[in-house]
Amino acid sequence: MKTIKVYGPGCTRCETTEAMVKEAAAKLGVAVDVEKVTDAKSIAMAGVMSTPGIAIDGKLVHAGGLPDEAKLEDWLRA
């Protein structure tokens, strides 16, 4: 199971990113545990300077704007 953290204050883009992660995981049949991180200090400590951010298994893979669907699927397959 992959551990995924979606970093963001709760804006529309952040909510959309969380939904994209869940949909891509379901499409690929990848088991994921998705955690939403909204605390500003935790977001900064993770190195996310622009939200939304995505970390997979502790590695920050995306920050700022909606992720590209193909890249998101590649990250989940890795």
C-alpha atoms as a PDB file:
ATOM      1  CA  MET A   1       0.000   0.000   0.000  1.00  0.00           C
ATOM      2  CA  LYS A   2       1.272   3.441  -0.921  1.00  0.00           C
ATOM      3  CA  THR A   3       1.031   6.286   1.573  1.00  0.00           C
ATOM      4  CA  ILE A   4       0.046   9.526  -0.128  1.00  0.00           C
ATOM      5  CA  LYS A   5      -0.157  12.966   1.414  1.00  0.00           C
ATOM      6  CA  VAL A   6      -1.959  15.770  -0.364  1.00  0.00           C
ATOM      7  CA  TYR A   7      -0.802  19.140   0.952  1.00  0.00           C
ATOM      8  CA  GLY A   8      -3.051  22.192   0.750  1.00  0.00           C
ATOM      9  CA  PRO A   9      -5.239  24.532   2.768  1.00  0.00           C
ATOM     10  CA  GLY A  10      -8.504  23.068   1.482  1.00  0.00           C
ATOM     11  CA  CYS A  11      -8.923  25.078  -1.697  1.00  0.00           C
ATOM     12  CA  THR A  12     -10.750  23.777  -4.752  1.00  0.00           C
ATOM     13  CA  ARG A  13      -7.501  22.785  -6.492  1.00  0.00           C
ATOM     14  CA  CYS A  14      -6.398  20.839  -3.420  1.00  0.00           C
ATOM     15  CA  GLU A  15      -9.708  18.994  -3.206  1.00  0.00           C
ATOM     16  CA  THR A  16      -9.541  18.242  -6.930  1.00  0.00           C
ATOM     17  CA  THR A  17      -5.996  16.920  -6.550  1.00  0.00           C
ATOM     18  CA  GLU A  18      -7.077  14.594  -3.747  1.00  0.00           C
ATOM     19  CA  ALA A  19      -9.922  13.281  -5.941  1.00  0.00           C
ATOM     20  CA  MET A  20      -7.522  12.830  -8.883  1.00  0.00           C
ATOM     21  CA  VAL A  21      -5.173  10.757  -6.722  1.00  0.00           C
ATOM     22  CA  LYS A  22      -7.995   8.507  -5.536  1.00  0.00           C
ATOM     23  CA  GLU A  23      -9.424   8.086  -9.043  1.00  0.00           C
ATOM     24  CA  ALA A  24      -6.019   7.279 -10.578  1.00  0.00           C
ATOM     25  CA  ALA A  25      -5.278   4.732  -7.841  1.00  0.00           C
ATOM     26  CA  ALA A  26      -8.656   3.054  -8.359  1.00  0.00           C
ATOM     27  CA  LYS A  27      -8.136   2.994 -12.140  1.00  0.00           C
ATOM     28  CA  LEU A  28      -4.725   1.341 -11.718  1.00  0.00           C
ATOM     29  CA  GLY A  29      -5.815  -0.980  -8.907  1.00  0.00           C
ATOM     30  CA  VAL A  30      -3.196   0.466  -6.554  1.00  0.00           C
ATOM     31  CA  ALA A  31      -3.983   0.362  -2.835  1.00  0.00           C
ATOM     32  CA  VAL A  32      -3.441   3.802  -1.307  1.00  0.00           C
ATOM     33  CA  ASP A  33      -3.816   5.509   2.033  1.00  0.00           C
ATOM     34  CA  VAL A  34      -4.517   9.176   1.260  1.00  0.00           C
ATOM     35  CA  GLU A  35      -3.982  11.775   3.976  1.00  0.00           C
ATOM     36  CA  LYS A  36      -4.971  15.424   3.540  1.00  0.00           C
ATOM     37  CA  VAL A  37      -2.533  17.829   5.240  1.00  0.00           C
ATOM     38  CA  THR A  38      -3.975  21.318   5.775  1.00  0.00           C
ATOM     39  CA  ASP A  39      -1.756  22.706   8.536  1.00  0.00           C
ATOM     40  CA  ALA A  40       0.406  25.536   7.116  1.00  0.00           C
ATOM     41  CA  LYS A  41       3.421  24.631   9.266  1.00  0.00           C
ATOM     42  CA  SER A  42       3.282  20.967   8.189  1.00  0.00           C
ATOM     43  CA  ILE A  43       2.951  22.017   4.546  1.00  0.00           C
ATOM     44  CA  ALA A  44       6.042  24.246   4.832  1.00  0.00           C
ATOM     45  CA  MET A  45       7.997  21.570   6.728  1.00  0.00           C
ATOM     46  CA  ALA A  46       7.335  19.159   3.841  1.00  0.00           C
ATOM     47  CA  GLY A  47       8.977  21.635   1.449  1.00  0.00           C
ATOM     48  CA  VAL A  48       5.768  22.549  -0.371  1.00  0.00           C
ATOM     49  CA  MET A  49       6.073  26.183  -1.421  1.00  0.00           C
ATOM     50  CA  SER A  50       3.040  26.164  -3.722  1.00  0.00           C
ATOM     51  CA  THR A  51      -0.059  24.080  -3.166  1.00  0.00           C
ATOM     52  CA  PRO A  52      -1.386  21.599  -3.870  1.00  0.00           C
ATOM     53  CA  GLY A  53       1.491  19.264  -3.163  1.00  0.00           C
ATOM     54  CA  ILE A  54       1.701  15.486  -3.361  1.00  0.00           C
ATOM     55  CA  ALA A  55       4.076  13.179  -1.502  1.00  0.00           C
ATOM     56  CA  ILE A  56       4.133   9.454  -2.200  1.00  0.00           C
ATOM     57  CA  ASP A  57       5.771   7.218   0.384  1.00  0.00           C
ATOM     58  CA  GLY A  58       7.514  10.238   1.921  1.00  0.00           C
ATOM     59  CA  LYS A  59       8.870  11.672  -1.343  1.00  0.00           C
ATOM     60  CA  LEU A  60       7.519  15.001  -2.595  1.00  0.00           C
ATOM     61  CA  VAL A  61       6.639  14.447  -6.255  1.00  0.00           C
ATOM     62  CA  HIS A  62       4.523  17.503  -7.076  1.00  0.00           C
ATOM     63  CA  ALA A  63       3.886  21.057  -5.910  1.00  0.00           C
ATOM     64  CA  GLY A  64       1.785  23.832  -7.425  1.00  0.00           C
ATOM     65  CA  GLY A  65      -1.270  23.449  -9.631  1.00  0.00           C
ATOM     66  CA  LEU A  66      -3.128  20.353 -10.671  1.00  0.00           C
ATOM     67  CA  PRO A  67      -0.906  17.373 -11.501  1.00  0.00           C
ATOM     68  CA  ASP A  68      -0.750  15.949 -15.002  1.00  0.00           C
ATOM     69  CA  GLU A  69      -2.872  12.764 -15.081  1.00  0.00           C
ATOM     70  CA  ALA A  70      -0.245  10.718 -16.949  1.00  0.00           C
ATOM     71  CA  LYS A  71       2.488  11.741 -14.504  1.00  0.00           C
ATOM     72  CA  LEU A  72       0.213  10.985 -11.572  1.00  0.00           C
ATOM     73  CA  GLU A  73      -0.349   7.473 -12.909  1.00  0.00           C
ATOM     74  CA  ASP A  74       3.418   7.028 -13.408  1.00  0.00           C
ATOM     75  CA  TRP A  75       4.077   8.081  -9.794  1.00  0.00           C
ATOM     76  CA  LEU A  76       1.502   5.591  -8.554  1.00  0.00           C
ATOM     77  CA  ARG A  77       2.961   2.767 -10.637  1.00  0.00           C
ATOM     78  CA  ALA A  78       6.510   3.357  -9.365  1.00  0.00           C
END
